[in-house]
PDB file of all heavy atoms in Angstrom:
ATOM      1  N   ARG A   1     -25.603  -6.824  22.787  1.00  0.00           N
ATOM      2  CA  ARG A   1     -26.207  -5.794  23.649  1.00  0.00           C
ATOM      3  C   ARG A   1     -25.209  -5.299  24.711  1.00  0.00           C
ATOM      4  O   ARG A   1     -25.138  -4.101  24.986  1.00  0.00           O
ATOM      5  CB  ARG A   1     -27.458  -6.330  24.328  1.00  0.00           C
ATOM      6  CG  ARG A   1     -28.643  -6.478  23.395  1.00  0.00           C
ATOM      7  CD  ARG A   1     -29.877  -6.957  24.195  1.00  0.00           C
ATOM      8  NE  ARG A   1     -30.970  -7.295  23.329  1.00  0.00           N
ATOM      9  CZ  ARG A   1     -31.796  -6.420  22.770  1.00  0.00           C
ATOM     10  NH1 ARG A   1     -31.634  -5.141  23.013  1.00  0.00           N
ATOM     11  NH2 ARG A   1     -32.773  -6.831  21.986  1.00  0.00           N
ATOM     12  N   ALA A   2     -24.450  -6.218  25.294  1.00  0.00           N
ATOM     13  CA  ALA A   2     -23.455  -5.835  26.304  1.00  0.00           C
ATOM     14  C   ALA A   2     -22.365  -4.957  25.681  1.00  0.00           C
ATOM     15  O   ALA A   2     -21.948  -3.953  26.280  1.00  0.00           O
ATOM     16  CB  ALA A   2     -22.853  -7.076  26.945  1.00  0.00           C
ATOM     17  N   ALA A   3     -21.918  -5.315  24.474  1.00  0.00           N
ATOM     18  CA  ALA A   3     -20.884  -4.524  23.797  1.00  0.00           C
ATOM     19  C   ALA A   3     -21.413  -3.129  23.458  1.00  0.00           C
ATOM     20  O   ALA A   3     -20.691  -2.132  23.612  1.00  0.00           O
ATOM     21  CB  ALA A   3     -20.417  -5.249  22.537  1.00  0.00           C
ATOM     22  N   LEU A   4     -22.672  -3.050  23.015  1.00  0.00           N
ATOM     23  CA  LEU A   4     -23.271  -1.748  22.705  1.00  0.00           C
ATOM     24  C   LEU A   4     -23.404  -0.890  23.958  1.00  0.00           C
ATOM     25  O   LEU A   4     -23.115   0.310  23.935  1.00  0.00           O
ATOM     26  CB  LEU A   4     -24.632  -1.939  22.040  1.00  0.00           C
ATOM     27  CG  LEU A   4     -24.600  -2.488  20.611  1.00  0.00           C
ATOM     28  CD1 LEU A   4     -25.980  -2.969  20.183  1.00  0.00           C
ATOM     29  CD2 LEU A   4     -24.052  -1.452  19.643  1.00  0.00           C
ATOM     30  N   ALA A   5     -23.835  -1.503  25.060  1.00  0.00           N
ATOM     31  CA  ALA A   5     -23.972  -0.753  26.318  1.00  0.00           C
ATOM     32  C   ALA A   5     -22.609  -0.265  26.807  1.00  0.00           C
ATOM     33  O   ALA A   5     -22.461   0.884  27.240  1.00  0.00           O
ATOM     34  CB  ALA A   5     -24.647  -1.621  27.377  1.00  0.00           C
ATOM     35  N   ALA A   6     -21.599  -1.126  26.718  1.00  0.00           N
ATOM     36  CA  ALA A   6     -20.257  -0.755  27.171  1.00  0.00           C
ATOM     37  C   ALA A   6     -19.643   0.327  26.292  1.00  0.00           C
ATOM     38  O   ALA A   6     -18.836   1.131  26.762  1.00  0.00           O
ATOM     39  CB  ALA A   6     -19.356  -1.993  27.198  1.00  0.00           C
ATOM     40  N   ALA A   7     -20.024   0.370  25.022  1.00  0.00           N
ATOM     41  CA  ALA A   7     -19.471   1.380  24.116  1.00  0.00           C
ATOM     42  C   ALA A   7     -19.966   2.785  24.460  1.00  0.00           C
ATOM     43  O   ALA A   7     -19.326   3.767  24.082  1.00  0.00           O
ATOM     44  CB  ALA A   7     -19.824   1.042  22.671  1.00  0.00           C
ATOM     45  N   ASP A   8     -21.102   2.894  25.160  1.00  0.00           N
ATOM     46  CA  ASP A   8     -21.625   4.182  25.629  1.00  0.00           C
ATOM     47  C   ASP A   8     -21.689   5.209  24.494  1.00  0.00           C
ATOM     48  O   ASP A   8     -21.011   6.227  24.506  1.00  0.00           O
ATOM     49  CB  ASP A   8     -20.769   4.696  26.791  1.00  0.00           C
ATOM     50  CG  ASP A   8     -21.461   5.798  27.578  1.00  0.00           C
ATOM     51  OD1 ASP A   8     -22.669   6.021  27.372  1.00  0.00           O
ATOM     52  OD2 ASP A   8     -20.772   6.434  28.406  1.00  0.00           O
ATOM     53  N   PHE A   9     -22.520   4.922  23.510  1.00  0.00           N
ATOM     54  CA  PHE A   9     -22.619   5.749  22.308  1.00  0.00           C
ATOM     55  C   PHE A   9     -22.840   7.230  22.579  1.00  0.00           C
ATOM     56  O   PHE A   9     -22.267   8.062  21.871  1.00  0.00           O
ATOM     57  CB  PHE A   9     -23.700   5.197  21.374  1.00  0.00           C
ATOM     58  CG  PHE A   9     -23.178   4.123  20.452  1.00  0.00           C
ATOM     59  CD1 PHE A   9     -22.741   2.916  20.950  1.00  0.00           C
ATOM     60  CD2 PHE A   9     -23.113   4.338  19.091  1.00  0.00           C
ATOM     61  CE1 PHE A   9     -22.258   1.933  20.115  1.00  0.00           C
ATOM     62  CE2 PHE A   9     -22.629   3.365  18.243  1.00  0.00           C
ATOM     63  CZ  PHE A   9     -22.196   2.161  18.751  1.00  0.00           C
ATOM     64  N   PRO A  10     -23.641   7.640  23.564  1.00  0.00           N
ATOM     65  CA  PRO A  10     -23.812   9.083  23.784  1.00  0.00           C
ATOM     66  C   PRO A  10     -22.502   9.803  24.105  1.00  0.00           C
ATOM     67  O   PRO A  10     -22.368  10.994  23.847  1.00  0.00           O
ATOM     68  CB  PRO A  10     -24.777   9.163  24.965  1.00  0.00           C
ATOM     69  CG  PRO A  10     -25.536   7.877  24.911  1.00  0.00           C
ATOM     70  CD  PRO A  10     -24.547   6.858  24.406  1.00  0.00           C
ATOM     71  N   ARG A  11     -21.529   9.115  24.651  1.00  0.00           N
ATOM     72  CA  ARG A  11     -20.261   9.751  25.033  1.00  0.00           C
ATOM     73  C   ARG A  11     -19.147   9.555  24.000  1.00  0.00           C
ATOM     74  O   ARG A  11     -18.075  10.117  24.150  1.00  0.00           O
ATOM     75  CB  ARG A  11     -19.803   9.227  26.378  1.00  0.00           C
ATOM     76  CG  ARG A  11     -20.770   9.582  27.490  1.00  0.00           C
ATOM     77  CD  ARG A  11     -20.192   9.173  28.837  1.00  0.00           C
ATOM     78  NE  ARG A  11     -21.166   9.213  29.875  1.00  0.00           N
ATOM     79  CZ  ARG A  11     -21.522  10.301  30.555  1.00  0.00           C
ATOM     80  NH1 ARG A  11     -20.975  11.446  30.273  1.00  0.00           N
ATOM     81  NH2 ARG A  11     -22.420  10.227  31.501  1.00  0.00           N
ATOM     82  N   GLN A  12     -19.400   8.772  22.968  1.00  0.00           N
ATOM     83  CA  GLN A  12     -18.385   8.535  21.932  1.00  0.00           C
ATOM     84  C   GLN A  12     -18.254   9.762  21.027  1.00  0.00           C
ATOM     85  O   GLN A  12     -19.228  10.455  20.768  1.00  0.00           O
ATOM     86  CB  GLN A  12     -18.797   7.341  21.056  1.00  0.00           C
ATOM     87  CG  GLN A  12     -18.724   6.006  21.718  1.00  0.00           C
ATOM     88  CD  GLN A  12     -17.344   5.376  21.604  1.00  0.00           C
ATOM     89  OE1 GLN A  12     -16.479   5.822  20.857  1.00  0.00           O
ATOM     90  NE2 GLN A  12     -17.152   4.326  22.376  1.00  0.00           N
ATOM     91  N   GLU A  13     -17.041   9.984  20.514  1.00  0.00           N
ATOM     92  CA  GLU A  13     -16.850  11.002  19.490  1.00  0.00           C
ATOM     93  C   GLU A  13     -17.542  10.524  18.223  1.00  0.00           C
ATOM     94  O   GLU A  13     -17.511   9.336  17.904  1.00  0.00           O
ATOM     95  CB  GLU A  13     -15.363  11.227  19.223  1.00  0.00           C
ATOM     96  CG  GLU A  13     -14.644  11.890  20.370  1.00  0.00           C
ATOM     97  CD  GLU A  13     -13.196  12.204  20.011  1.00  0.00           C
ATOM     98  OE1 GLU A  13     -12.940  12.585  18.852  1.00  0.00           O
ATOM     99  OE2 GLU A  13     -12.348  12.046  20.890  1.00  0.00           O
ATOM    100  N   ARG A  14     -18.186  11.420  17.519  1.00  0.00           N
ATOM    101  CA  ARG A  14     -18.957  11.047  16.328  1.00  0.00           C
ATOM    102  C   ARG A  14     -18.065  10.652  15.157  1.00  0.00           C
ATOM    103  O   ARG A  14     -18.467   9.893  14.292  1.00  0.00           O
ATOM    104  CB  ARG A  14     -19.876  12.186  15.883  1.00  0.00           C
ATOM    105  CG  ARG A  14     -20.881  12.574  16.932  1.00  0.00           C
ATOM    106  CD  ARG A  14     -21.880  11.441  17.166  1.00  0.00           C
ATOM    107  NE  ARG A  14     -22.553  11.649  18.437  1.00  0.00           N
ATOM    108  CZ  ARG A  14     -22.451  10.834  19.466  1.00  0.00           C
ATOM    109  NH1 ARG A  14     -21.738   9.751  19.401  1.00  0.00           N
ATOM    110  NH2 ARG A  14     -23.078  11.077  20.585  1.00  0.00           N
ATOM    111  N   VAL A  15     -16.858  11.208  15.092  1.00  0.00           N
ATOM    112  CA  VAL A  15     -15.908  10.892  14.026  1.00  0.00           C
ATOM    113  C   VAL A  15     -14.616  10.440  14.685  1.00  0.00           C
ATOM    114  O   VAL A  15     -14.035  11.171  15.487  1.00  0.00           O
ATOM    115  CB  VAL A  15     -15.657  12.122  13.125  1.00  0.00           C
ATOM    116  CG1 VAL A  15     -14.644  11.797  12.042  1.00  0.00           C
ATOM    117  CG2 VAL A  15     -16.956  12.612  12.519  1.00  0.00           C
ATOM    118  N   GLN A  16     -14.191   9.224  14.337  1.00  0.00           N
ATOM    119  CA  GLN A  16     -12.999   8.645  14.955  1.00  0.00           C
ATOM    120  C   GLN A  16     -12.091   8.082  13.862  1.00  0.00           C
ATOM    121  O   GLN A  16     -12.216   6.926  13.477  1.00  0.00           O
ATOM    122  CB  GLN A  16     -13.383   7.526  15.930  1.00  0.00           C
ATOM    123  CG  GLN A  16     -14.281   7.983  17.050  1.00  0.00           C
ATOM    124  CD  GLN A  16     -14.648   6.848  17.988  1.00  0.00           C
ATOM    125  OE1 GLN A  16     -13.962   5.839  18.084  1.00  0.00           O
ATOM    126  NE2 GLN A  16     -15.755   7.011  18.680  1.00  0.00           N
ATOM    127  N   PHE A  17     -11.195   8.932  13.371  1.00  0.00           N
ATOM    128  CA  PHE A  17     -10.261   8.517  12.338  1.00  0.00           C
ATOM    129  C   PHE A  17      -8.840   8.761  12.830  1.00  0.00           C
ATOM    130  O   PHE A  17      -8.553   9.825  13.391  1.00  0.00           O
ATOM    131  CB  PHE A  17     -10.497   9.293  11.042  1.00  0.00           C
ATOM    132  CG  PHE A  17     -11.817   8.964  10.414  1.00  0.00           C
ATOM    133  CD1 PHE A  17     -12.904   9.796  10.585  1.00  0.00           C
ATOM    134  CD2 PHE A  17     -11.974   7.811   9.676  1.00  0.00           C
ATOM    135  CE1 PHE A  17     -14.132   9.486  10.029  1.00  0.00           C
ATOM    136  CE2 PHE A  17     -13.191   7.494   9.112  1.00  0.00           C
ATOM    137  CZ  PHE A  17     -14.273   8.329   9.282  1.00  0.00           C
ATOM    138  N   PRO A  18      -7.952   7.801  12.616  1.00  0.00           N
ATOM    139  CA  PRO A  18      -6.565   7.991  13.056  1.00  0.00           C
ATOM    140  C   PRO A  18      -5.870   9.040  12.185  1.00  0.00           C
ATOM    141  O   PRO A  18      -6.270   9.283  11.040  1.00  0.00           O
ATOM    142  CB  PRO A  18      -5.945   6.604  12.845  1.00  0.00           C
ATOM    143  CG  PRO A  18      -6.749   5.984  11.752  1.00  0.00           C
ATOM    144  CD  PRO A  18      -8.146   6.518  11.941  1.00  0.00           C
ATOM    145  N   GLU A  19      -4.829   9.670  12.743  1.00  0.00           N
ATOM    146  CA  GLU A  19      -4.077  10.646  11.957  1.00  0.00           C
ATOM    147  C   GLU A  19      -3.386   9.969  10.787  1.00  0.00           C
ATOM    148  O   GLU A  19      -3.300  10.533   9.707  1.00  0.00           O
ATOM    149  CB  GLU A  19      -3.065  11.366  12.846  1.00  0.00           C
ATOM    150  CG  GLU A  19      -3.725  12.396  13.724  1.00  0.00           C
ATOM    151  CD  GLU A  19      -2.737  13.376  14.297  1.00  0.00           C
ATOM    152  OE1 GLU A  19      -1.699  13.630  13.656  1.00  0.00           O
ATOM    153  OE2 GLU A  19      -3.011  13.887  15.383  1.00  0.00           O
ATOM    154  N   GLU A  20      -2.888   8.779  11.006  1.00  0.00           N
ATOM    155  CA  GLU A  20      -2.256   8.003   9.940  1.00  0.00           C
ATOM    156  C   GLU A  20      -3.195   6.874   9.559  1.00  0.00           C
ATOM    157  O   GLU A  20      -3.360   5.913  10.313  1.00  0.00           O
ATOM    158  CB  GLU A  20      -0.911   7.435  10.415  1.00  0.00           C
ATOM    159  CG  GLU A  20       0.154   8.477  10.637  1.00  0.00           C
ATOM    160  CD  GLU A  20       0.550   9.180   9.346  1.00  0.00           C
ATOM    161  OE1 GLU A  20       0.638   8.519   8.291  1.00  0.00           O
ATOM    162  OE2 GLU A  20       0.749  10.407   9.397  1.00  0.00           O
ATOM    163  N   PRO A  21      -3.848   6.971   8.398  1.00  0.00           N
ATOM    164  CA  PRO A  21      -4.784   5.909   8.013  1.00  0.00           C
ATOM    165  C   PRO A  21      -4.079   4.573   7.793  1.00  0.00           C
ATOM    166  O   PRO A  21      -2.913   4.533   7.407  1.00  0.00           O
ATOM    167  CB  PRO A  21      -5.404   6.420   6.714  1.00  0.00           C
ATOM    168  CG  PRO A  21      -4.547   7.529   6.248  1.00  0.00           C
ATOM    169  CD  PRO A  21      -3.742   8.018   7.393  1.00  0.00           C
ATOM    170  N   VAL A  22      -4.794   3.507   8.048  1.00  0.00           N
ATOM    171  CA  VAL A  22      -4.281   2.159   7.816  1.00  0.00           C
ATOM    172  C   VAL A  22      -4.475   1.843   6.340  1.00  0.00           C
ATOM    173  O   VAL A  22      -5.598   1.918   5.834  1.00  0.00           O
ATOM    174  CB  VAL A  22      -5.035   1.129   8.700  1.00  0.00           C
ATOM    175  CG1 VAL A  22      -4.627  -0.282   8.362  1.00  0.00           C
ATOM    176  CG2 VAL A  22      -4.822   1.438  10.165  1.00  0.00           C
ATOM    177  N   ARG A  23      -3.414   1.495   5.667  1.00  0.00           N
ATOM    178  CA  ARG A  23      -3.539   1.140   4.249  1.00  0.00           C
ATOM    179  C   ARG A  23      -4.423  -0.093   4.126  1.00  0.00           C
ATOM    180  O   ARG A  23      -4.265  -1.056   4.862  1.00  0.00           O
ATOM    181  CB  ARG A  23      -2.181   0.874   3.640  1.00  0.00           C
ATOM    182  CG  ARG A  23      -1.312   2.103   3.581  1.00  0.00           C
ATOM    183  CD  ARG A  23      -0.203   1.919   2.562  1.00  0.00           C
ATOM    184  NE  ARG A  23       0.728   3.020   2.553  1.00  0.00           N
ATOM    185  CZ  ARG A  23       0.512   4.182   1.949  1.00  0.00           C
ATOM    186  NH1 ARG A  23      -0.615   4.388   1.313  1.00  0.00           N
ATOM    187  NH2 ARG A  23       1.400   5.141   1.983  1.00  0.00           N
ATOM    188  N   ASP A  24      -5.344  -0.023   3.194  1.00  0.00           N
ATOM    189  CA  ASP A  24      -6.292  -1.116   2.955  1.00  0.00           C
ATOM    190  C   ASP A  24      -7.130  -1.438   4.188  1.00  0.00           C
ATOM    191  O   ASP A  24      -7.640  -2.549   4.323  1.00  0.00           O
ATOM    192  CB  ASP A  24      -5.578  -2.377   2.453  1.00  0.00           C
ATOM    193  CG  ASP A  24      -4.889  -2.147   1.122  1.00  0.00           C
ATOM    194  OD1 ASP A  24      -5.460  -1.393   0.301  1.00  0.00           O
ATOM    195  OD2 ASP A  24      -3.810  -2.695   0.899  1.00  0.00           O
ATOM    196  N   GLY A  25      -7.281  -0.476   5.080  1.00  0.00           N
ATOM    197  CA  GLY A  25      -8.124  -0.666   6.263  1.00  0.00           C
ATOM    198  C   GLY A  25      -9.583  -0.392   5.923  1.00  0.00           C
ATOM    199  O   GLY A  25      -9.930  -0.011   4.803  1.00  0.00           O
ATOM    200  N   PHE A  26     -10.436  -0.598   6.885  1.00  0.00           N
ATOM    201  CA  PHE A  26     -11.866  -0.387   6.709  1.00  0.00           C
ATOM    202  C   PHE A  26     -12.301   0.908   7.374  1.00  0.00           C
ATOM    203  O   PHE A  26     -11.706   1.344   8.366  1.00  0.00           O
ATOM    204  CB  PHE A  26     -12.669  -1.533   7.340  1.00  0.00           C
ATOM    205  CG  PHE A  26     -12.544  -2.834   6.604  1.00  0.00           C
ATOM    206  CD1 PHE A  26     -11.810  -3.870   7.143  1.00  0.00           C
ATOM    207  CD2 PHE A  26     -13.173  -3.023   5.387  1.00  0.00           C
ATOM    208  CE1 PHE A  26     -11.694  -5.076   6.472  1.00  0.00           C
ATOM    209  CE2 PHE A  26     -13.072  -4.223   4.712  1.00  0.00           C
ATOM    210  CZ  PHE A  26     -12.329  -5.253   5.255  1.00  0.00           C
ATOM    211  N   THR A  27     -13.360   1.499   6.833  1.00  0.00           N
ATOM    212  CA  THR A  27     -14.072   2.568   7.518  1.00  0.00           C
ATOM    213  C   THR A  27     -15.440   1.999   7.888  1.00  0.00           C
ATOM    214  O   THR A  27     -15.955   1.104   7.213  1.00  0.00           O
ATOM    215  CB  THR A  27     -14.249   3.833   6.642  1.00  0.00           C
ATOM    216  OG1 THR A  27     -14.971   3.499   5.464  1.00  0.00           O
ATOM    217  CG2 THR A  27     -12.904   4.433   6.278  1.00  0.00           C
ATOM    218  N   TYR A  28     -16.003   2.517   8.967  1.00  0.00           N
ATOM    219  CA  TYR A  28     -17.263   2.000   9.499  1.00  0.00           C
ATOM    220  C   TYR A  28     -18.232   3.141   9.751  1.00  0.00           C
ATOM    221  O   TYR A  28     -17.832   4.214  10.203  1.00  0.00           O
ATOM    222  CB  TYR A  28     -17.023   1.285  10.843  1.00  0.00           C
ATOM    223  CG  TYR A  28     -16.104   0.106  10.752  1.00  0.00           C
ATOM    224  CD1 TYR A  28     -14.729   0.270  10.859  1.00  0.00           C
ATOM    225  CD2 TYR A  28     -16.600  -1.181  10.569  1.00  0.00           C
ATOM    226  CE1 TYR A  28     -13.873  -0.818  10.778  1.00  0.00           C
ATOM    227  CE2 TYR A  28     -15.754  -2.268  10.491  1.00  0.00           C
ATOM    228  CZ  TYR A  28     -14.386  -2.083  10.593  1.00  0.00           C
ATOM    229  OH  TYR A  28     -13.547  -3.164  10.509  1.00  0.00           O
ATOM    230  N   GLN A  29     -19.487   2.873   9.492  1.00  0.00           N
ATOM    231  CA  GLN A  29     -20.573   3.746   9.918  1.00  0.00           C
ATOM    232  C   GLN A  29     -21.400   2.886  10.861  1.00  0.00           C
ATOM    233  O   GLN A  29     -21.938   1.846  10.459  1.00  0.00           O
ATOM    234  CB  GLN A  29     -21.429   4.199   8.741  1.00  0.00           C
ATOM    235  CG  GLN A  29     -22.612   5.006   9.194  1.00  0.00           C
ATOM    236  CD  GLN A  29     -23.748   4.993   8.189  1.00  0.00           C
ATOM    237  OE1 GLN A  29     -23.834   4.127   7.346  1.00  0.00           O
ATOM    238  NE2 GLN A  29     -24.636   5.946   8.325  1.00  0.00           N
ATOM    239  N   ILE A  30     -21.478   3.289  12.117  1.00  0.00           N
ATOM    240  CA  ILE A  30     -22.180   2.512  13.137  1.00  0.00           C
ATOM    241  C   ILE A  30     -23.326   3.368  13.673  1.00  0.00           C
ATOM    242  O   ILE A  30     -23.102   4.491  14.130  1.00  0.00           O
ATOM    243  CB  ILE A  30     -21.223   2.121  14.287  1.00  0.00           C
ATOM    244  CG1 ILE A  30     -19.989   1.419  13.723  1.00  0.00           C
ATOM    245  CG2 ILE A  30     -21.940   1.245  15.311  1.00  0.00           C
ATOM    246  CD1 ILE A  30     -18.849   1.274  14.708  1.00  0.00           C
ATOM    247  N   VAL A  31     -24.545   2.836  13.593  1.00  0.00           N
ATOM    248  CA  VAL A  31     -25.725   3.570  14.056  1.00  0.00           C
ATOM    249  C   VAL A  31     -26.399   2.743  15.144  1.00  0.00           C
ATOM    250  O   VAL A  31     -26.738   1.576  14.926  1.00  0.00           O
ATOM    251  CB  VAL A  31     -26.710   3.837  12.895  1.00  0.00           C
ATOM    252  CG1 VAL A  31     -27.926   4.598  13.394  1.00  0.00           C
ATOM    253  CG2 VAL A  31     -26.027   4.577  11.759  1.00  0.00           C
ATOM    254  N   HIS A  32     -26.584   3.370  16.309  1.00  0.00           N
ATOM    255  CA  HIS A  32     -27.228   2.696  17.443  1.00  0.00           C
ATOM    256  C   HIS A  32     -27.866   3.735  18.358  1.00  0.00           C
ATOM    257  O   HIS A  32     -27.230   4.734  18.710  1.00  0.00           O
ATOM    258  CB  HIS A  32     -26.200   1.874  18.229  1.00  0.00           C
ATOM    259  CG  HIS A  32     -26.701   1.389  19.548  1.00  0.00           C
ATOM    260  ND1 HIS A  32     -27.716   0.464  19.664  1.00  0.00           N
ATOM    261  CD2 HIS A  32     -26.355   1.730  20.817  1.00  0.00           C
ATOM    262  CE1 HIS A  32     -27.954   0.245  20.951  1.00  0.00           C
ATOM    263  NE2 HIS A  32     -27.144   1.001  21.668  1.00  0.00           N
ATOM    264  N   GLY A  33     -29.090   3.484  18.745  1.00  0.00           N
ATOM    265  CA  GLY A  33     -29.765   4.326  19.730  1.00  0.00           C
ATOM    266  C   GLY A  33     -29.872   5.786  19.350  1.00  0.00           C
ATOM    267  O   GLY A  33     -29.845   6.651  20.226  1.00  0.00           O
ATOM    268  N   GLY A  34     -29.979   6.079  18.056  1.00  0.00           N
ATOM    269  CA  GLY A  34     -30.081   7.467  17.614  1.00  0.00           C
ATOM    270  C   GLY A  34     -28.739   8.156  17.452  1.00  0.00           C
ATOM    271  O   GLY A  34     -28.693   9.347  17.154  1.00  0.00           O
ATOM    272  N   TYR A  35     -27.648   7.437  17.630  1.00  0.00           N
ATOM    273  CA  TYR A  35     -26.305   7.993  17.485  1.00  0.00           C
ATOM    274  C   TYR A  35     -25.610   7.325  16.308  1.00  0.00           C
ATOM    275  O   TYR A  35     -25.764   6.127  16.096  1.00  0.00           O
ATOM    276  CB  TYR A  35     -25.479   7.772  18.755  1.00  0.00           C
ATOM    277  CG  TYR A  35     -26.059   8.489  19.943  1.00  0.00           C
ATOM    278  CD1 TYR A  35     -26.902   7.832  20.820  1.00  0.00           C
ATOM    279  CD2 TYR A  35     -25.787   9.832  20.162  1.00  0.00           C
ATOM    280  CE1 TYR A  35     -27.456   8.492  21.903  1.00  0.00           C
ATOM    281  CE2 TYR A  35     -26.337  10.499  21.240  1.00  0.00           C
ATOM    282  CZ  TYR A  35     -27.164   9.825  22.107  1.00  0.00           C
ATOM    283  OH  TYR A  35     -27.713  10.486  23.162  1.00  0.00           O
ATOM    284  N   GLU A  36     -24.822   8.117  15.575  1.00  0.00           N
ATOM    285  CA  GLU A  36     -24.077   7.607  14.431  1.00  0.00           C
ATOM    286  C   GLU A  36     -22.613   7.951  14.628  1.00  0.00           C
ATOM    287  O   GLU A  36     -22.269   9.089  14.947  1.00  0.00           O
ATOM    288  CB  GLU A  36     -24.603   8.236  13.146  1.00  0.00           C
ATOM    289  CG  GLU A  36     -23.893   7.751  11.920  1.00  0.00           C
ATOM    290  CD  GLU A  36     -24.541   8.281  10.641  1.00  0.00           C
ATOM    291  OE1 GLU A  36     -25.651   8.840  10.710  1.00  0.00           O
ATOM    292  OE2 GLU A  36     -23.928   8.115   9.590  1.00  0.00           O
ATOM    293  N   ILE A  37     -21.772   6.956  14.425  1.00  0.00           N
ATOM    294  CA  ILE A  37     -20.332   7.140  14.568  1.00  0.00           C
ATOM    295  C   ILE A  37     -19.664   6.722  13.276  1.00  0.00           C
ATOM    296  O   ILE A  37     -19.948   5.651  12.745  1.00  0.00           O
ATOM    297  CB  ILE A  37     -19.782   6.310  15.745  1.00  0.00           C
ATOM    298  CG1 ILE A  37     -20.386   6.802  17.057  1.00  0.00           C
ATOM    299  CG2 ILE A  37     -18.259   6.366  15.785  1.00  0.00           C
ATOM    300  CD1 ILE A  37     -20.044   5.952  18.251  1.00  0.00           C
ATOM    301  N   GLY A  38     -18.770   7.563  12.780  1.00  0.00           N
ATOM    302  CA  GLY A  38     -17.917   7.223  11.652  1.00  0.00           C
ATOM    303  C   GLY A  38     -16.538   6.926  12.209  1.00  0.00           C
ATOM    304  O   GLY A  38     -15.992   7.728  12.969  1.00  0.00           O
TER     305      GLY A  38
END
């Protein structure tokens, strides 16, 4: 709960991908409080 509150989902960018992808890295779909972040 503390990590979710600190992440401040309403102010996060909805899509957060680096310009240079990490080889064999993970992608995430995170849904919290009516907000979805990729």
